[in-house]
Amino acid sequence: MPMAQKLSSKAMKKLDTLTEAKRKWDRVHSLVEMAATQKTGQDMYLSQMRRAAEDVGRVFMNGGYGPLAGNAKDLALLVKRGGSLQHKLRGMRELVGIVFAAIERAEKAVMDEERAGTAD
């Protein structure tokens, strides 16, 4: 049975950043779904969503994931835009899915990069 390889410190730092961002993005996702299910008081969730999305954007930016930071900032901007709540929620749900998929791709890329580095 092969032993699990140790990751480099650079790979560990990237994975830690992605893990932290994923945990915080889970919070954004739960806020989006809570706002969608409530009949009244959605404004409370919207302001929390904006702050949480901006926080995740900072985590991505500090970790060097600019495009992911842009998606998080897009969700924060969508919260502040005018329009019906249903249109906002549709866009927010789409962005939540996009960011989750991008985080998974980034994690896979870090692992593939690490495997390629140890294969030399």
C-alpha atoms as a PDB file:
ATOM      1  CA  MET A   1       0.000   0.000   0.000  1.00  0.00           C
ATOM      2  CA  PRO A   2       1.635   3.305  -1.069  1.00  0.00           C
ATOM      3  CA  MET A   3       2.257   5.925   1.566  1.00  0.00           C
ATOM      4  CA  ALA A   4       0.621   9.311   1.258  1.00  0.00           C
ATOM      5  CA  GLN A   5       3.061  11.889   0.014  1.00  0.00           C
ATOM      6  CA  LYS A   6       3.897  14.942   2.034  1.00  0.00           C
ATOM      7  CA  LEU A   7       2.963  18.243   0.481  1.00  0.00           C
ATOM      8  CA  SER A   8       5.364  21.116   0.090  1.00  0.00           C
ATOM      9  CA  SER A   9       4.834  24.178   2.251  1.00  0.00           C
ATOM     10  CA  LYS A  10       3.734  26.156  -0.800  1.00  0.00           C
ATOM     11  CA  ALA A  11       1.061  23.574  -1.651  1.00  0.00           C
ATOM     12  CA  MET A  12      -0.058  23.420   1.981  1.00  0.00           C
ATOM     13  CA  LYS A  13      -0.445  27.200   2.073  1.00  0.00           C
ATOM     14  CA  LYS A  14      -2.526  27.161  -1.124  1.00  0.00           C
ATOM     15  CA  LEU A  15      -4.730  24.360   0.196  1.00  0.00           C
ATOM     16  CA  ASP A  16      -5.156  26.151   3.532  1.00  0.00           C
ATOM     17  CA  THR A  17      -6.252  29.284   1.698  1.00  0.00           C
ATOM     18  CA  LEU A  18      -8.727  27.302  -0.398  1.00  0.00           C
ATOM     19  CA  THR A  19     -10.035  25.458   2.675  1.00  0.00           C
ATOM     20  CA  GLU A  20     -10.597  28.721   4.534  1.00  0.00           C
ATOM     21  CA  ALA A  21     -12.292  30.263   1.508  1.00  0.00           C
ATOM     22  CA  LYS A  22     -14.483  27.190   1.036  1.00  0.00           C
ATOM     23  CA  ARG A  23     -15.585  27.313   4.683  1.00  0.00           C
ATOM     24  CA  LYS A  24     -16.465  30.999   4.369  1.00  0.00           C
ATOM     25  CA  TRP A  25     -18.152  30.448   1.002  1.00  0.00           C
ATOM     26  CA  ASP A  26     -20.338  27.789   2.666  1.00  0.00           C
ATOM     27  CA  ARG A  27     -21.558  30.601   4.921  1.00  0.00           C
ATOM     28  CA  VAL A  28     -22.398  32.744   1.886  1.00  0.00           C
ATOM     29  CA  HIS A  29     -24.273  29.801   0.369  1.00  0.00           C
ATOM     30  CA  SER A  30     -26.298  29.254   3.540  1.00  0.00           C
ATOM     31  CA  LEU A  31     -27.183  32.956   3.686  1.00  0.00           C
ATOM     32  CA  VAL A  32     -28.363  32.883   0.058  1.00  0.00           C
ATOM     33  CA  GLU A  33     -30.578  29.882   0.769  1.00  0.00           C
ATOM     34  CA  MET A  34     -31.942  31.388   4.002  1.00  0.00           C
ATOM     35  CA  ALA A  35     -32.836  34.591   2.168  1.00  0.00           C
ATOM     36  CA  ALA A  36     -34.537  32.536  -0.537  1.00  0.00           C
ATOM     37  CA  THR A  37     -36.685  30.611   1.927  1.00  0.00           C
ATOM     38  CA  GLN A  38     -37.786  33.537   4.109  1.00  0.00           C
ATOM     39  CA  LYS A  39     -41.016  35.347   3.344  1.00  0.00           C
ATOM     40  CA  THR A  40     -39.998  38.513   5.202  1.00  0.00           C
ATOM     41  CA  GLY A  41     -36.779  39.973   6.583  1.00  0.00           C
ATOM     42  CA  GLN A  42     -34.538  39.150   3.636  1.00  0.00           C
ATOM     43  CA  ASP A  43     -32.729  42.487   4.027  1.00  0.00           C
ATOM     44  CA  MET A  44     -30.999  41.179   7.131  1.00  0.00           C
ATOM     45  CA  TYR A  45     -29.553  38.291   5.106  1.00  0.00           C
ATOM     46  CA  LEU A  46     -28.575  40.501   2.187  1.00  0.00           C
ATOM     47  CA  SER A  47     -26.316  42.718   4.269  1.00  0.00           C
ATOM     48  CA  GLN A  48     -24.694  39.670   5.879  1.00  0.00           C
ATOM     49  CA  MET A  49     -24.199  38.138   2.424  1.00  0.00           C
ATOM     50  CA  ARG A  50     -22.473  41.241   1.151  1.00  0.00           C
ATOM     51  CA  ARG A  51     -20.057  41.349   4.093  1.00  0.00           C
ATOM     52  CA  ALA A  52     -19.355  37.610   3.903  1.00  0.00           C
ATOM     53  CA  ALA A  53     -18.754  37.715   0.135  1.00  0.00           C
ATOM     54  CA  GLU A  54     -16.367  40.655   0.507  1.00  0.00           C
ATOM     55  CA  ASP A  55     -14.506  38.742   3.216  1.00  0.00           C
ATOM     56  CA  VAL A  56     -14.137  35.694   0.964  1.00  0.00           C
ATOM     57  CA  GLY A  57     -12.944  37.985  -1.815  1.00  0.00           C
ATOM     58  CA  ARG A  58     -10.165  39.238   0.463  1.00  0.00           C
ATOM     59  CA  VAL A  59      -9.156  35.659   1.306  1.00  0.00           C
ATOM     60  CA  PHE A  60      -8.969  34.780  -2.391  1.00  0.00           C
ATOM     61  CA  MET A  61      -7.046  37.942  -3.244  1.00  0.00           C
ATOM     62  CA  ASN A  62      -4.517  37.406  -0.446  1.00  0.00           C
ATOM     63  CA  GLY A  63      -4.038  33.829  -1.645  1.00  0.00           C
ATOM     64  CA  GLY A  64      -3.382  34.898  -5.221  1.00  0.00           C
ATOM     65  CA  TYR A  65      -6.696  33.761  -6.673  1.00  0.00           C
ATOM     66  CA  GLY A  66      -7.756  36.950  -8.457  1.00  0.00           C
ATOM     67  CA  PRO A  67     -10.502  35.507 -10.682  1.00  0.00           C
ATOM     68  CA  LEU A  68     -12.152  33.821  -7.695  1.00  0.00           C
ATOM     69  CA  ALA A  69     -11.908  37.075  -5.768  1.00  0.00           C
ATOM     70  CA  GLY A  70     -13.647  38.768  -8.684  1.00  0.00           C
ATOM     71  CA  ASN A  71     -16.529  36.300  -8.511  1.00  0.00           C
ATOM     72  CA  ALA A  72     -16.912  36.882  -4.778  1.00  0.00           C
ATOM     73  CA  LYS A  73     -16.917  40.645  -5.324  1.00  0.00           C
ATOM     74  CA  ASP A  74     -19.509  40.192  -8.096  1.00  0.00           C
ATOM     75  CA  LEU A  75     -21.841  38.539  -5.602  1.00  0.00           C
ATOM     76  CA  ALA A  76     -21.294  41.407  -3.150  1.00  0.00           C
ATOM     77  CA  LEU A  77     -22.173  43.895  -5.909  1.00  0.00           C
ATOM     78  CA  LEU A  78     -25.221  41.896  -6.934  1.00  0.00           C
ATOM     79  CA  VAL A  79     -26.586  42.209  -3.397  1.00  0.00           C
ATOM     80  CA  LYS A  80     -26.436  46.017  -3.592  1.00  0.00           C
ATOM     81  CA  ARG A  81     -27.974  46.289  -7.053  1.00  0.00           C
ATOM     82  CA  GLY A  82     -31.546  47.191  -7.666  1.00  0.00           C
ATOM     83  CA  GLY A  83     -34.075  44.781  -9.039  1.00  0.00           C
ATOM     84  CA  SER A  84     -36.332  42.115  -7.694  1.00  0.00           C
ATOM     85  CA  LEU A  85     -35.165  39.770  -5.001  1.00  0.00           C
ATOM     86  CA  GLN A  86     -35.891  36.753  -7.213  1.00  0.00           C
ATOM     87  CA  HIS A  87     -33.545  38.033  -9.935  1.00  0.00           C
ATOM     88  CA  LYS A  88     -30.856  38.720  -7.345  1.00  0.00           C
ATOM     89  CA  LEU A  89     -31.233  35.265  -5.806  1.00  0.00           C
ATOM     90  CA  ARG A  90     -31.011  33.582  -9.195  1.00  0.00           C
ATOM     91  CA  GLY A  91     -27.748  35.384  -9.911  1.00  0.00           C
ATOM     92  CA  MET A  92     -26.403  34.692  -6.430  1.00  0.00           C
ATOM     93  CA  ARG A  93     -27.140  30.986  -6.678  1.00  0.00           C
ATOM     94  CA  GLU A  94     -25.364  30.861 -10.021  1.00  0.00           C
ATOM     95  CA  LEU A  95     -22.298  32.619  -8.596  1.00  0.00           C
ATOM     96  CA  VAL A  96     -22.262  30.320  -5.560  1.00  0.00           C
ATOM     97  CA  GLY A  97     -22.135  27.296  -7.863  1.00  0.00           C
ATOM     98  CA  ILE A  98     -19.459  28.835 -10.059  1.00  0.00           C
ATOM     99  CA  VAL A  99     -17.206  29.583  -7.090  1.00  0.00           C
ATOM    100  CA  PHE A 100     -17.662  26.127  -5.539  1.00  0.00           C
ATOM    101  CA  ALA A 101     -16.676  24.522  -8.852  1.00  0.00           C
ATOM    102  CA  ALA A 102     -13.696  26.857  -9.212  1.00  0.00           C
ATOM    103  CA  ILE A 103     -12.481  26.053  -5.686  1.00  0.00           C
ATOM    104  CA  GLU A 104     -12.601  22.337  -6.488  1.00  0.00           C
ATOM    105  CA  ARG A 105     -10.680  22.914  -9.726  1.00  0.00           C
ATOM    106  CA  ALA A 106      -8.076  24.984  -7.875  1.00  0.00           C
ATOM    107  CA  GLU A 107      -7.634  22.269  -5.230  1.00  0.00           C
ATOM    108  CA  LYS A 108      -7.199  19.663  -7.962  1.00  0.00           C
ATOM    109  CA  ALA A 109      -4.695  21.898  -9.755  1.00  0.00           C
ATOM    110  CA  VAL A 110      -2.621  22.270  -6.577  1.00  0.00           C
ATOM    111  CA  MET A 111      -2.556  18.494  -6.087  1.00  0.00           C
ATOM    112  CA  ASP A 112      -1.714  17.833  -9.751  1.00  0.00           C
ATOM    113  CA  GLU A 113       1.035  20.440  -9.618  1.00  0.00           C
ATOM    114  CA  GLU A 114       2.428  18.818  -6.480  1.00  0.00           C
ATOM    115  CA  ARG A 115       2.357  15.336  -8.050  1.00  0.00           C
ATOM    116  CA  ALA A 116       4.100  16.630 -11.158  1.00  0.00           C
ATOM    117  CA  GLY A 117       6.772  18.262  -8.991  1.00  0.00           C
ATOM    118  CA  THR A 118       7.515  15.039  -7.102  1.00  0.00           C
ATOM    119  CA  ALA A 119       7.553  12.906 -10.255  1.00  0.00           C
ATOM    120  CA  ASP A 120      10.734  14.594 -11.474  1.00  0.00           C
END
